């Protein structure tokens, strides 16, 4: 299974970016997986950003991004998105997508995620 994140870059504070994560794999049924975004800065633990249920009907966000970020998915394209608006310097991090094959919950322990993608760097300048 491959999860390929893209869309990161350098943006000024207040700006927007849209991250994408495309999933591929012969035995990977994307539509059955909870998809999530995490982020990590150097020297810090990986932190949860947002997650979306397998059918896209439910989503949950970290308090720090709620109201600014929106997670969505297109099961026909095996892709999950993270629309990031009102970016702040504190949002600077490497962003990772992840897939969990379990049942939907607003809190899924990080260790439950089955697959992780290669991260994409987001840098927000002040």
PDB file of N, CA and C in Angstrom:
ATOM      1  N   UNK A   1       0.850  -1.186   0.000  1.00  0.00           N
ATOM      2  CA  UNK A   1       0.000   0.000   0.000  1.00  0.00           C
ATOM      3  C   UNK A   1       0.889   1.240   0.000  1.00  0.00           C
ATOM      4  N   UNK A   2       0.541   2.172  -0.862  1.00  0.00           N
ATOM      5  CA  UNK A   2       1.274   3.435  -0.917  1.00  0.00           C
ATOM      6  C   UNK A   2       0.311   4.582  -0.701  1.00  0.00           C
ATOM      7  N   UNK A   3       0.680   5.473   0.194  1.00  0.00           N
ATOM      8  CA  UNK A   3      -0.053   6.710   0.402  1.00  0.00           C
ATOM      9  C   UNK A   3       0.891   7.844   0.029  1.00  0.00           C
ATOM     10  N   UNK A   4       0.536   8.577  -0.995  1.00  0.00           N
ATOM     11  CA  UNK A   4       1.414   9.630  -1.494  1.00  0.00           C
ATOM     12  C   UNK A   4       0.789  10.990  -1.243  1.00  0.00           C
ATOM     13  N   UNK A   5       1.380  11.728  -0.320  1.00  0.00           N
ATOM     14  CA  UNK A   5       0.893  13.070  -0.005  1.00  0.00           C
ATOM     15  C   UNK A   5       1.566  14.097  -0.900  1.00  0.00           C
ATOM     16  N   UNK A   6       0.820  15.122  -1.248  1.00  0.00           N
ATOM     17  CA  UNK A   6       1.348  16.201  -2.070  1.00  0.00           C
ATOM     18  C   UNK A   6       0.593  17.487  -1.754  1.00  0.00           C
ATOM     19  N   UNK A   7       1.119  18.599  -2.282  1.00  0.00           N
ATOM     20  CA  UNK A   7       0.430  19.872  -2.133  1.00  0.00           C
ATOM     21  C   UNK A   7       1.046  20.808  -1.118  1.00  0.00           C
ATOM     22  N   UNK A   8       2.070  20.356  -0.422  1.00  0.00           N
ATOM     23  CA  UNK A   8       2.724  21.227   0.539  1.00  0.00           C
ATOM     24  C   UNK A   8       3.498  22.333  -0.147  1.00  0.00           C
ATOM     25  N   UNK A   9       3.980  23.274   0.647  1.00  0.00           N
ATOM     26  CA  UNK A   9       4.749  24.367   0.091  1.00  0.00           C
ATOM     27  C   UNK A   9       4.926  25.478   1.084  1.00  0.00           C
ATOM     28  N   UNK A  10       5.371  26.613   0.571  1.00  0.00           N
ATOM     29  CA  UNK A  10       5.600  27.809   1.380  1.00  0.00           C
ATOM     30  C   UNK A  10       4.472  28.795   1.122  1.00  0.00           C
ATOM     31  N   UNK A  11       3.871  29.287   2.198  1.00  0.00           N
ATOM     32  CA  UNK A  11       2.759  30.225   2.064  1.00  0.00           C
ATOM     33  C   UNK A  11       2.850  31.262   3.174  1.00  0.00           C
ATOM     34  N   UNK A  12       2.342  32.438   2.912  1.00  0.00           N
ATOM     35  CA  UNK A  12       2.328  33.485   3.938  1.00  0.00           C
ATOM     36  C   UNK A  12       1.188  33.248   4.924  1.00  0.00           C
ATOM     37  N   UNK A  13       1.358  33.750   6.118  1.00  0.00           N
ATOM     38  CA  UNK A  13       0.306  33.649   7.122  1.00  0.00           C
ATOM     39  C   UNK A  13      -0.994  34.232   6.565  1.00  0.00           C
ATOM     40  N   UNK A  14      -2.074  33.508   6.838  1.00  0.00           N
ATOM     41  CA  UNK A  14      -3.377  33.914   6.309  1.00  0.00           C
ATOM     42  C   UNK A  14      -3.716  33.258   4.987  1.00  0.00           C
ATOM     43  N   UNK A  15      -2.740  32.627   4.376  1.00  0.00           N
ATOM     44  CA  UNK A  15      -2.953  31.994   3.088  1.00  0.00           C
ATOM     45  C   UNK A  15      -3.566  30.612   3.194  1.00  0.00           C
ATOM     46  N   UNK A  16      -3.665  29.950   2.049  1.00  0.00           N
ATOM     47  CA  UNK A  16      -4.309  28.638   1.976  1.00  0.00           C
ATOM     48  C   UNK A  16      -3.453  27.651   1.196  1.00  0.00           C
ATOM     49  N   UNK A  17      -3.629  26.400   1.539  1.00  0.00           N
ATOM     50  CA  UNK A  17      -3.039  25.293   0.794  1.00  0.00           C
ATOM     51  C   UNK A  17      -4.029  24.132   0.805  1.00  0.00           C
ATOM     52  N   UNK A  18      -3.939  23.303  -0.213  1.00  0.00           N
ATOM     53  CA  UNK A  18      -4.752  22.085  -0.262  1.00  0.00           C
ATOM     54  C   UNK A  18      -3.836  20.889  -0.411  1.00  0.00           C
ATOM     55  N   UNK A  19      -3.833  20.037   0.582  1.00  0.00           N
ATOM     56  CA  UNK A  19      -3.046  18.818   0.524  1.00  0.00           C
ATOM     57  C   UNK A  19      -3.892  17.688  -0.060  1.00  0.00           C
ATOM     58  N   UNK A  20      -3.224  16.807  -0.774  1.00  0.00           N
ATOM     59  CA  UNK A  20      -3.868  15.613  -1.317  1.00  0.00           C
ATOM     60  C   UNK A  20      -3.076  14.389  -0.894  1.00  0.00           C
ATOM     61  N   UNK A  21      -3.765  13.291  -0.749  1.00  0.00           N
ATOM     62  CA  UNK A  21      -3.102  12.021  -0.445  1.00  0.00           C
ATOM     63  C   UNK A  21      -3.778  10.944  -1.282  1.00  0.00           C
ATOM     64  N   UNK A  22      -3.030  10.425  -2.232  1.00  0.00           N
ATOM     65  CA  UNK A  22      -3.554   9.399  -3.112  1.00  0.00           C
ATOM     66  C   UNK A  22      -3.098   8.022  -2.635  1.00  0.00           C
ATOM     67  N   UNK A  23      -4.039   7.096  -2.584  1.00  0.00           N
ATOM     68  CA  UNK A  23      -3.748   5.743  -2.112  1.00  0.00           C
ATOM     69  C   UNK A  23      -3.694   4.780  -3.282  1.00  0.00           C
ATOM     70  N   UNK A  24      -2.759   3.853  -3.212  1.00  0.00           N
ATOM     71  CA  UNK A  24      -2.628   2.841  -4.252  1.00  0.00           C
ATOM     72  C   UNK A  24      -2.189   1.533  -3.622  1.00  0.00           C
ATOM     73  N   UNK A  25      -2.646   0.450  -4.212  1.00  0.00           N
ATOM     74  CA  UNK A  25      -2.269  -0.872  -3.718  1.00  0.00           C
ATOM     75  C   UNK A  25      -3.279  -1.885  -4.185  1.00  0.00           C
ATOM     76  N   UNK A  26      -2.803  -2.994  -4.668  1.00  0.00           N
ATOM     77  CA  UNK A  26      -3.680  -3.976  -5.298  1.00  0.00           C
ATOM     78  C   UNK A  26      -4.757  -4.480  -4.353  1.00  0.00           C
ATOM     79  N   UNK A  27      -4.408  -4.700  -3.093  1.00  0.00           N
ATOM     80  CA  UNK A  27      -5.371  -5.269  -2.149  1.00  0.00           C
ATOM     81  C   UNK A  27      -5.957  -4.221  -1.212  1.00  0.00           C
ATOM     82  N   UNK A  28      -5.729  -2.960  -1.503  1.00  0.00           N
ATOM     83  CA  UNK A  28      -6.152  -1.890  -0.611  1.00  0.00           C
ATOM     84  C   UNK A  28      -7.490  -1.332  -1.058  1.00  0.00           C
ATOM     85  N   UNK A  29      -8.492  -1.507  -0.207  1.00  0.00           N
ATOM     86  CA  UNK A  29      -9.820  -0.994  -0.514  1.00  0.00           C
ATOM     87  C   UNK A  29     -10.003   0.327   0.212  1.00  0.00           C
ATOM     88  N   UNK A  30      -9.683   1.400  -0.481  1.00  0.00           N
ATOM     89  CA  UNK A  30      -9.656   2.737   0.103  1.00  0.00           C
ATOM     90  C   UNK A  30     -10.965   3.082   0.792  1.00  0.00           C
ATOM     91  N   UNK A  31     -12.069   2.723   0.187  1.00  0.00           N
ATOM     92  CA  UNK A  31     -13.374   3.118   0.689  1.00  0.00           C
ATOM     93  C   UNK A  31     -13.729   2.469   2.023  1.00  0.00           C
ATOM     94  N   UNK A  32     -12.940   1.512   2.461  1.00  0.00           N
ATOM     95  CA  UNK A  32     -13.184   0.845   3.738  1.00  0.00           C
ATOM     96  C   UNK A  32     -12.381   1.451   4.888  1.00  0.00           C
ATOM     97  N   UNK A  33     -11.521   2.411   4.585  1.00  0.00           N
ATOM     98  CA  UNK A  33     -10.593   2.923   5.580  1.00  0.00           C
ATOM     99  C   UNK A  33     -10.945   4.320   6.071  1.00  0.00           C
ATOM    100  N   UNK A  34     -10.804   4.515   7.376  1.00  0.00           N
ATOM    101  CA  UNK A  34     -10.748   5.859   7.932  1.00  0.00           C
ATOM    102  C   UNK A  34      -9.445   6.479   7.437  1.00  0.00           C
ATOM    103  N   UNK A  35      -9.520   7.725   7.018  1.00  0.00           N
ATOM    104  CA  UNK A  35      -8.325   8.444   6.580  1.00  0.00           C
ATOM    105  C   UNK A  35      -8.098   9.642   7.488  1.00  0.00           C
ATOM    106  N   UNK A  36      -6.828   9.923   7.736  1.00  0.00           N
ATOM    107  CA  UNK A  36      -6.512  11.013   8.659  1.00  0.00           C
ATOM    108  C   UNK A  36      -5.265  11.752   8.198  1.00  0.00           C
ATOM    109  N   UNK A  37      -5.136  12.951   8.733  1.00  0.00           N
ATOM    110  CA  UNK A  37      -3.937  13.755   8.556  1.00  0.00           C
ATOM    111  C   UNK A  37      -3.313  13.987   9.930  1.00  0.00           C
ATOM    112  N   UNK A  38      -2.009  13.864   9.978  1.00  0.00           N
ATOM    113  CA  UNK A  38      -1.217  14.186  11.154  1.00  0.00           C
ATOM    114  C   UNK A  38      -0.142  15.162  10.733  1.00  0.00           C
ATOM    115  N   UNK A  39       0.504  15.777  11.703  1.00  0.00           N
ATOM    116  CA  UNK A  39       1.626  16.649  11.393  1.00  0.00           C
ATOM    117  C   UNK A  39       2.691  16.517  12.470  1.00  0.00           C
ATOM    118  N   UNK A  40       3.890  16.867  12.089  1.00  0.00           N
ATOM    119  CA  UNK A  40       5.015  16.715  13.008  1.00  0.00           C
ATOM    120  C   UNK A  40       6.063  17.771  12.726  1.00  0.00           C
ATOM    121  N   UNK A  41       6.552  18.389  13.780  1.00  0.00           N
ATOM    122  CA  UNK A  41       7.667  19.304  13.674  1.00  0.00           C
ATOM    123  C   UNK A  41       8.892  18.642  14.286  1.00  0.00           C
ATOM    124  N   UNK A  42      10.042  19.162  13.939  1.00  0.00           N
ATOM    125  CA  UNK A  42      11.297  18.587  14.415  1.00  0.00           C
ATOM    126  C   UNK A  42      11.344  18.595  15.942  1.00  0.00           C
ATOM    127  N   UNK A  43      11.620  17.437  16.517  1.00  0.00           N
ATOM    128  CA  UNK A  43      11.735  17.345  17.963  1.00  0.00           C
ATOM    129  C   UNK A  43      10.427  17.158  18.696  1.00  0.00           C
ATOM    130  N   UNK A  44       9.323  17.090  17.962  1.00  0.00           N
ATOM    131  CA  UNK A  44       8.012  16.922  18.585  1.00  0.00           C
ATOM    132  C   UNK A  44       7.373  15.608  18.152  1.00  0.00           C
ATOM    133  N   UNK A  45       6.387  15.185  18.926  1.00  0.00           N
ATOM    134  CA  UNK A  45       5.655  13.988  18.547  1.00  0.00           C
ATOM    135  C   UNK A  45       4.683  14.312  17.420  1.00  0.00           C
ATOM    136  N   UNK A  46       4.346  13.288  16.688  1.00  0.00           N
ATOM    137  CA  UNK A  46       3.366  13.453  15.615  1.00  0.00           C
ATOM    138  C   UNK A  46       2.002  13.723  16.251  1.00  0.00           C
ATOM    139  N   UNK A  47       1.312  14.736  15.743  1.00  0.00           N
ATOM    140  CA  UNK A  47       0.032  15.107  16.331  1.00  0.00           C
ATOM    141  C   UNK A  47      -1.098  14.990  15.326  1.00  0.00           C
ATOM    142  N   UNK A  48      -2.241  14.659  15.845  1.00  0.00           N
ATOM    143  CA  UNK A  48      -3.445  14.499  15.041  1.00  0.00           C
ATOM    144  C   UNK A  48      -3.933  15.849  14.528  1.00  0.00           C
ATOM    145  N   UNK A  49      -4.379  15.863  13.282  1.00  0.00           N
ATOM    146  CA  UNK A  49      -4.941  17.076  12.693  1.00  0.00           C
ATOM    147  C   UNK A  49      -6.435  16.886  12.380  1.00  0.00           C
ATOM    148  N   UNK A  50      -6.749  15.859  11.612  1.00  0.00           N
ATOM    149  CA  UNK A  50      -8.145  15.634  11.202  1.00  0.00           C
ATOM    150  C   UNK A  50      -8.312  14.205  10.722  1.00  0.00           C
ATOM    151  N   UNK A  51      -9.540  13.713  10.804  1.00  0.00           N
ATOM    152  CA  UNK A  51      -9.854  12.376  10.297  1.00  0.00           C
ATOM    153  C   UNK A  51     -11.242  12.383   9.687  1.00  0.00           C
ATOM    154  N   UNK A  52     -11.450  11.454   8.770  1.00  0.00           N
ATOM    155  CA  UNK A  52     -12.744  11.341   8.089  1.00  0.00           C
ATOM    156  C   UNK A  52     -13.118   9.868   7.996  1.00  0.00           C
ATOM    157  N   UNK A  53     -14.405   9.584   8.191  1.00  0.00           N
ATOM    158  CA  UNK A  53     -14.867   8.200   8.155  1.00  0.00           C
ATOM    159  C   UNK A  53     -14.786   7.633   6.746  1.00  0.00           C
ATOM    160  N   UNK A  54     -14.952   6.330   6.652  1.00  0.00           N
ATOM    161  CA  UNK A  54     -14.752   5.654   5.367  1.00  0.00           C
ATOM    162  C   UNK A  54     -15.702   6.152   4.284  1.00  0.00           C
ATOM    163  N   UNK A  55     -16.923   6.501   4.663  1.00  0.00           N
ATOM    164  CA  UNK A  55     -17.881   6.986   3.654  1.00  0.00           C
ATOM    165  C   UNK A  55     -17.933   8.506   3.575  1.00  0.00           C
ATOM    166  N   UNK A  56     -17.105   9.159   4.351  1.00  0.00           N
ATOM    167  CA  UNK A  56     -17.051  10.620   4.325  1.00  0.00           C
ATOM    168  C   UNK A  56     -18.143  11.302   5.125  1.00  0.00           C
ATOM    169  N   UNK A  57     -18.971  10.540   5.809  1.00  0.00           N
ATOM    170  CA  UNK A  57     -20.097  11.132   6.512  1.00  0.00           C
ATOM    171  C   UNK A  57     -19.768  11.758   7.846  1.00  0.00           C
ATOM    172  N   UNK A  58     -18.628  11.416   8.403  1.00  0.00           N
ATOM    173  CA  UNK A  58     -18.221  11.957   9.696  1.00  0.00           C
ATOM    174  C   UNK A  58     -16.782  12.429   9.629  1.00  0.00           C
ATOM    175  N   UNK A  59     -16.495  13.460  10.396  1.00  0.00           N
ATOM    176  CA  UNK A  59     -15.126  13.968  10.455  1.00  0.00           C
ATOM    177  C   UNK A  59     -14.869  14.546  11.841  1.00  0.00           C
ATOM    178  N   UNK A  60     -13.624  14.673  12.170  1.00  0.00           N
ATOM    179  CA  UNK A  60     -13.235  15.234  13.455  1.00  0.00           C
ATOM    180  C   UNK A  60     -11.925  15.987  13.276  1.00  0.00           C
ATOM    181  N   UNK A  61     -11.716  17.000  14.110  1.00  0.00           N
ATOM    182  CA  UNK A  61     -10.571  17.881  13.979  1.00  0.00           C
ATOM    183  C   UNK A  61      -9.910  18.142  15.328  1.00  0.00           C
ATOM    184  N   UNK A  62      -8.632  18.422  15.264  1.00  0.00           N
ATOM    185  CA  UNK A  62      -7.951  18.938  16.443  1.00  0.00           C
ATOM    186  C   UNK A  62      -8.461  20.344  16.734  1.00  0.00           C
ATOM    187  N   UNK A  63      -8.493  20.697  17.996  1.00  0.00           N
ATOM    188  CA  UNK A  63      -8.993  22.021  18.374  1.00  0.00           C
ATOM    189  C   UNK A  63      -8.207  23.132  17.679  1.00  0.00           C
ATOM    190  N   UNK A  64      -6.924  22.905  17.467  1.00  0.00           N
ATOM    191  CA  UNK A  64      -6.057  23.942  16.904  1.00  0.00           C
ATOM    192  C   UNK A  64      -6.374  24.269  15.447  1.00  0.00           C
ATOM    193  N   UNK A  65      -7.084  23.384  14.760  1.00  0.00           N
ATOM    194  CA  UNK A  65      -7.357  23.617  13.334  1.00  0.00           C
ATOM    195  C   UNK A  65      -8.847  23.700  13.025  1.00  0.00           C
ATOM    196  N   UNK A  66      -9.678  23.389  13.994  1.00  0.00           N
ATOM    197  CA  UNK A  66     -11.128  23.391  13.741  1.00  0.00           C
ATOM    198  C   UNK A  66     -11.590  24.765  13.302  1.00  0.00           C
ATOM    199  N   UNK A  67     -12.371  24.791  12.234  1.00  0.00           N
ATOM    200  CA  UNK A  67     -12.865  26.056  11.692  1.00  0.00           C
ATOM    201  C   UNK A  67     -11.961  26.641  10.612  1.00  0.00           C
ATOM    202  N   UNK A  68     -10.744  26.141  10.512  1.00  0.00           N
ATOM    203  CA  UNK A  68      -9.808  26.625   9.479  1.00  0.00           C
ATOM    204  C   UNK A  68      -9.496  25.545   8.444  1.00  0.00           C
ATOM    205  N   UNK A  69      -9.440  24.288   8.889  1.00  0.00           N
ATOM    206  CA  UNK A  69      -9.102  23.171   7.999  1.00  0.00           C
ATOM    207  C   UNK A  69     -10.350  22.339   7.718  1.00  0.00           C
ATOM    208  N   UNK A  70     -10.393  21.761   6.533  1.00  0.00           N
ATOM    209  CA  UNK A  70     -11.488  20.869   6.163  1.00  0.00           C
ATOM    210  C   UNK A  70     -10.925  19.622   5.506  1.00  0.00           C
ATOM    211  N   UNK A  71     -11.308  18.468   6.039  1.00  0.00           N
ATOM    212  CA  UNK A  71     -10.901  17.200   5.452  1.00  0.00           C
ATOM    213  C   UNK A  71     -12.038  16.673   4.592  1.00  0.00           C
ATOM    214  N   UNK A  72     -11.688  16.102   3.453  1.00  0.00           N
ATOM    215  CA  UNK A  72     -12.681  15.503   2.568  1.00  0.00           C
ATOM    216  C   UNK A  72     -12.040  14.330   1.828  1.00  0.00           C
ATOM    217  N   UNK A  73     -12.865  13.565   1.153  1.00  0.00           N
ATOM    218  CA  UNK A  73     -12.332  12.422   0.422  1.00  0.00           C
ATOM    219  C   UNK A  73     -13.156  12.167  -0.827  1.00  0.00           C
ATOM    220  N   UNK A  74     -12.514  11.544  -1.801  1.00  0.00           N
ATOM    221  CA  UNK A  74     -13.179  11.121  -3.022  1.00  0.00           C
ATOM    222  C   UNK A  74     -12.859   9.640  -3.186  1.00  0.00           C
ATOM    223  N   UNK A  75     -13.783   8.793  -2.826  1.00  0.00           N
ATOM    224  CA  UNK A  75     -13.523   7.356  -2.858  1.00  0.00           C
ATOM    225  C   UNK A  75     -13.366   6.825  -4.285  1.00  0.00           C
ATOM    226  N   UNK A  76     -13.926   7.519  -5.238  1.00  0.00           N
ATOM    227  CA  UNK A  76     -13.752   7.103  -6.632  1.00  0.00           C
ATOM    228  C   UNK A  76     -12.326   7.338  -7.105  1.00  0.00           C
ATOM    229  N   UNK A  77     -11.652   8.302  -6.476  1.00  0.00           N
ATOM    230  CA  UNK A  77     -10.277   8.627  -6.866  1.00  0.00           C
ATOM    231  C   UNK A  77      -9.253   8.128  -5.843  1.00  0.00           C
ATOM    232  N   UNK A  78      -9.732   7.424  -4.817  1.00  0.00           N
ATOM    233  CA  UNK A  78      -8.830   6.919  -3.762  1.00  0.00           C
ATOM    234  C   UNK A  78      -7.963   8.033  -3.191  1.00  0.00           C
ATOM    235  N   UNK A  79      -8.582   9.171  -2.935  1.00  0.00           N
ATOM    236  CA  UNK A  79      -7.824  10.345  -2.503  1.00  0.00           C
ATOM    237  C   UNK A  79      -8.517  11.035  -1.336  1.00  0.00           C
ATOM    238  N   UNK A  80      -7.717  11.473  -0.387  1.00  0.00           N
ATOM    239  CA  UNK A  80      -8.212  12.288   0.721  1.00  0.00           C
ATOM    240  C   UNK A  80      -7.529  13.649   0.633  1.00  0.00           C
ATOM    241  N   UNK A  81      -8.255  14.685   1.031  1.00  0.00           N
ATOM    242  CA  UNK A  81      -7.776  16.064   0.910  1.00  0.00           C
ATOM    243  C   UNK A  81      -7.778  16.748   2.269  1.00  0.00           C
ATOM    244  N   UNK A  82      -6.952  17.764   2.384  1.00  0.00           N
ATOM    245  CA  UNK A  82      -6.988  18.641   3.545  1.00  0.00           C
ATOM    246  C   UNK A  82      -6.890  20.074   3.033  1.00  0.00           C
ATOM    247  N   UNK A  83      -8.012  20.767   3.082  1.00  0.00           N
ATOM    248  CA  UNK A  83      -8.035  22.180   2.716  1.00  0.00           C
ATOM    249  C   UNK A  83      -7.665  22.990   3.935  1.00  0.00           C
ATOM    250  N   UNK A  84      -6.611  23.778   3.831  1.00  0.00           N
ATOM    251  CA  UNK A  84      -6.107  24.544   4.962  1.00  0.00           C
ATOM    252  C   UNK A  84      -6.222  26.022   4.648  1.00  0.00           C
ATOM    253  N   UNK A  85      -7.065  26.714   5.393  1.00  0.00           N
ATOM    254  CA  UNK A  85      -7.262  28.148   5.230  1.00  0.00           C
ATOM    255  C   UNK A  85      -6.797  28.872   6.494  1.00  0.00           C
ATOM    256  N   UNK A  86      -6.557  30.154   6.357  1.00  0.00           N
ATOM    257  CA  UNK A  86      -6.142  30.925   7.519  1.00  0.00           C
ATOM    258  C   UNK A  86      -4.903  30.370   8.174  1.00  0.00           C
ATOM    259  N   UNK A  87      -3.930  29.992   7.362  1.00  0.00           N
ATOM    260  CA  UNK A  87      -2.743  29.342   7.901  1.00  0.00           C
ATOM    261  C   UNK A  87      -1.953  30.271   8.817  1.00  0.00           C
ATOM    262  N   UNK A  88      -1.381  29.664   9.833  1.00  0.00           N
ATOM    263  CA  UNK A  88      -0.586  30.385  10.821  1.00  0.00           C
ATOM    264  C   UNK A  88       0.829  29.799  10.852  1.00  0.00           C
ATOM    265  N   UNK A  89       1.805  30.563  11.313  1.00  0.00           N
ATOM    266  CA  UNK A  89       3.165  30.008  11.430  1.00  0.00           C
ATOM    267  C   UNK A  89       3.203  28.722  12.263  1.00  0.00           C
ATOM    268  N   UNK A  90       2.325  28.610  13.253  1.00  0.00           N
ATOM    269  CA  UNK A  90       2.282  27.403  14.082  1.00  0.00           C
ATOM    270  C   UNK A  90       1.826  26.168  13.306  1.00  0.00           C
ATOM    271  N   UNK A  91       1.287  26.359  12.129  1.00  0.00           N
ATOM    272  CA  UNK A  91       0.877  25.224  11.289  1.00  0.00           C
ATOM    273  C   UNK A  91       2.053  24.630  10.524  1.00  0.00           C
ATOM    274  N   UNK A  92       3.204  25.284  10.591  1.00  0.00           N
ATOM    275  CA  UNK A  92       4.395  24.777   9.906  1.00  0.00           C
ATOM    276  C   UNK A  92       4.765  23.405  10.443  1.00  0.00           C
ATOM    277  N   UNK A  93       4.864  22.436   9.545  1.00  0.00           N
ATOM    278  CA  UNK A  93       5.151  21.047   9.943  1.00  0.00           C
ATOM    279  C   UNK A  93       5.245  20.196   8.689  1.00  0.00           C
ATOM    280  N   UNK A  94       5.677  18.966   8.889  1.00  0.00           N
ATOM    281  CA  UNK A  94       5.530  17.950   7.852  1.00  0.00           C
ATOM    282  C   UNK A  94       4.183  17.271   8.078  1.00  0.00           C
ATOM    283  N   UNK A  95       3.379  17.215   7.047  1.00  0.00           N
ATOM    284  CA  UNK A  95       2.036  16.648   7.139  1.00  0.00           C
ATOM    285  C   UNK A  95       2.030  15.246   6.539  1.00  0.00           C
ATOM    286  N   UNK A  96       1.405  14.322   7.268  1.00  0.00           N
ATOM    287  CA  UNK A  96       1.331  12.923   6.861  1.00  0.00           C
ATOM    288  C   UNK A  96      -0.126  12.483   6.763  1.00  0.00           C
ATOM    289  N   UNK A  97      -0.424  11.646   5.790  1.00  0.00           N
ATOM    290  CA  UNK A  97      -1.731  11.009   5.761  1.00  0.00           C
ATOM    291  C   UNK A  97      -1.590   9.573   6.277  1.00  0.00           C
ATOM    292  N   UNK A  98      -2.691   9.062   6.802  1.00  0.00           N
ATOM    293  CA  UNK A  98      -2.682   7.728   7.394  1.00  0.00           C
ATOM    294  C   UNK A  98      -4.025   7.059   7.171  1.00  0.00           C
ATOM    295  N   UNK A  99      -4.014   5.740   7.188  1.00  0.00           N
ATOM    296  CA  UNK A  99      -5.229   4.953   6.961  1.00  0.00           C
ATOM    297  C   UNK A  99      -5.433   3.960   8.094  1.00  0.00           C
ATOM    298  N   UNK A 100      -6.677   3.879   8.548  1.00  0.00           N
ATOM    299  CA  UNK A 100      -7.049   2.971   9.634  1.00  0.00           C
ATOM    300  C   UNK A 100      -8.222   2.110   9.203  1.00  0.00           C
ATOM    301  N   UNK A 101      -8.063   0.816   9.335  1.00  0.00           N
ATOM    302  CA  UNK A 101      -9.093  -0.116   8.896  1.00  0.00           C
ATOM    303  C   UNK A 101     -10.131  -0.455   9.942  1.00  0.00           C
ATOM    304  N   UNK A 102     -10.124   0.225  11.063  1.00  0.00           N
ATOM    305  CA  UNK A 102     -11.073  -0.067  12.131  1.00  0.00           C
ATOM    306  C   UNK A 102     -12.380   0.689  12.009  1.00  0.00           C
ATOM    307  N   UNK A 103     -13.193   0.596  13.050  1.00  0.00           N
ATOM    308  CA  UNK A 103     -14.481   1.269  13.082  1.00  0.00           C
ATOM    309  C   UNK A 103     -14.304   2.747  13.404  1.00  0.00           C
ATOM    310  N   UNK A 104     -15.241   3.558  12.926  1.00  0.00           N
ATOM    311  CA  UNK A 104     -15.145   5.001  13.128  1.00  0.00           C
ATOM    312  C   UNK A 104     -15.260   5.356  14.609  1.00  0.00           C
ATOM    313  N   UNK A 105     -14.396   6.270  14.994  1.00  0.00           N
ATOM    314  CA  UNK A 105     -14.436   6.865  16.322  1.00  0.00           C
ATOM    315  C   UNK A 105     -13.827   8.237  16.188  1.00  0.00           C
ATOM    316  N   UNK A 106     -14.292   9.166  16.993  1.00  0.00           N
ATOM    317  CA  UNK A 106     -13.711  10.505  16.935  1.00  0.00           C
ATOM    318  C   UNK A 106     -12.314  10.527  17.537  1.00  0.00           C
ATOM    319  N   UNK A 107     -11.974   9.492  18.261  1.00  0.00           N
ATOM    320  CA  UNK A 107     -10.613   9.379  18.760  1.00  0.00           C
ATOM    321  C   UNK A 107     -10.079   8.002  18.412  1.00  0.00           C
ATOM    322  N   UNK A 108      -9.121   7.965  17.520  1.00  0.00           N
ATOM    323  CA  UNK A 108      -8.457   6.719  17.148  1.00  0.00           C
ATOM    324  C   UNK A 108      -7.006   6.823  17.579  1.00  0.00           C
ATOM    325  N   UNK A 109      -6.543   5.943  18.437  1.00  0.00           N
ATOM    326  CA  UNK A 109      -5.141   6.012  18.859  1.00  0.00           C
ATOM    327  C   UNK A 109      -4.198   5.925  17.666  1.00  0.00           C
ATOM    328  N   UNK A 110      -3.135   6.688  17.723  1.00  0.00           N
ATOM    329  CA  UNK A 110      -2.211   6.743  16.591  1.00  0.00           C
ATOM    330  C   UNK A 110      -1.660   5.374  16.238  1.00  0.00           C
ATOM    331  N   UNK A 111      -1.510   4.515  17.230  1.00  0.00           N
ATOM    332  CA  UNK A 111      -0.948   3.186  16.983  1.00  0.00           C
ATOM    333  C   UNK A 111      -1.898   2.288  16.199  1.00  0.00           C
ATOM    334  N   UNK A 112      -3.165   2.698  16.095  1.00  0.00           N
ATOM    335  CA  UNK A 112      -4.101   1.860  15.366  1.00  0.00           C
ATOM    336  C   UNK A 112      -4.006   2.055  13.854  1.00  0.00           C
ATOM    337  N   UNK A 113      -3.410   3.150  13.424  1.00  0.00           N
ATOM    338  CA  UNK A 113      -3.327   3.419  11.992  1.00  0.00           C
ATOM    339  C   UNK A 113      -2.421   2.386  11.318  1.00  0.00           C
ATOM    340  N   UNK A 114      -2.952   1.834  10.242  1.00  0.00           N
ATOM    341  CA  UNK A 114      -2.277   0.711   9.583  1.00  0.00           C
ATOM    342  C   UNK A 114      -1.219   1.159   8.576  1.00  0.00           C
ATOM    343  N   UNK A 115      -1.501   2.233   7.896  1.00  0.00           N
ATOM    344  CA  UNK A 115      -0.620   2.673   6.810  1.00  0.00           C
ATOM    345  C   UNK A 115      -0.339   4.166   6.936  1.00  0.00           C
ATOM    346  N   UNK A 116       0.877   4.526   6.573  1.00  0.00           N
ATOM    347  CA  UNK A 116       1.317   5.924   6.627  1.00  0.00           C
ATOM    348  C   UNK A 116       1.950   6.306   5.297  1.00  0.00           C
ATOM    349  N   UNK A 117       1.716   7.552   4.920  1.00  0.00           N
ATOM    350  CA  UNK A 117       2.338   8.061   3.715  1.00  0.00           C
ATOM    351  C   UNK A 117       3.621   8.812   4.025  1.00  0.00           C
ATOM    352  N   UNK A 118       4.340   9.111   2.980  1.00  0.00           N
ATOM    353  CA  UNK A 118       5.502   9.993   3.090  1.00  0.00           C
ATOM    354  C   UNK A 118       4.977  11.416   3.256  1.00  0.00           C
ATOM    355  N   UNK A 119       5.575  12.180   4.124  1.00  0.00           N
ATOM    356  CA  UNK A 119       5.057  13.497   4.439  1.00  0.00           C
ATOM    357  C   UNK A 119       5.318  14.539   3.373  1.00  0.00           C
ATOM    358  N   UNK A 120       4.571  15.630   3.516  1.00  0.00           N
ATOM    359  CA  UNK A 120       4.767  16.791   2.662  1.00  0.00           C
ATOM    360  C   UNK A 120       4.958  18.007   3.559  1.00  0.00           C
ATOM    361  N   UNK A 121       5.946  18.820   3.236  1.00  0.00           N
ATOM    362  CA  UNK A 121       6.303  19.963   4.091  1.00  0.00           C
ATOM    363  C   UNK A 121       5.368  21.137   3.842  1.00  0.00           C
ATOM    364  N   UNK A 122       4.861  21.698   4.924  1.00  0.00           N
ATOM    365  CA  UNK A 122       4.094  22.937   4.874  1.00  0.00           C
ATOM    366  C   UNK A 122       4.831  23.968   5.718  1.00  0.00           C
ATOM    367  N   UNK A 123       5.157  25.091   5.113  1.00  0.00           N
ATOM    368  CA  UNK A 123       5.860  26.165   5.810  1.00  0.00           C
ATOM    369  C   UNK A 123       5.044  27.444   5.687  1.00  0.00           C
ATOM    370  N   UNK A 124       4.710  28.028   6.834  1.00  0.00           N
ATOM    371  CA  UNK A 124       3.922  29.254   6.856  1.00  0.00           C
ATOM    372  C   UNK A 124       4.802  30.371   7.406  1.00  0.00           C
ATOM    373  N   UNK A 125       5.015  31.377   6.601  1.00  0.00           N
ATOM    374  CA  UNK A 125       5.862  32.498   7.008  1.00  0.00           C
ATOM    375  C   UNK A 125       5.013  33.606   7.634  1.00  0.00           C
ATOM    376  N   UNK A 126       5.605  34.298   8.562  1.00  0.00           N
ATOM    377  CA  UNK A 126       4.861  35.374   9.247  1.00  0.00           C
ATOM    378  C   UNK A 126       5.014  36.704   8.534  1.00  0.00           C
TER     379      UNK A 126
END
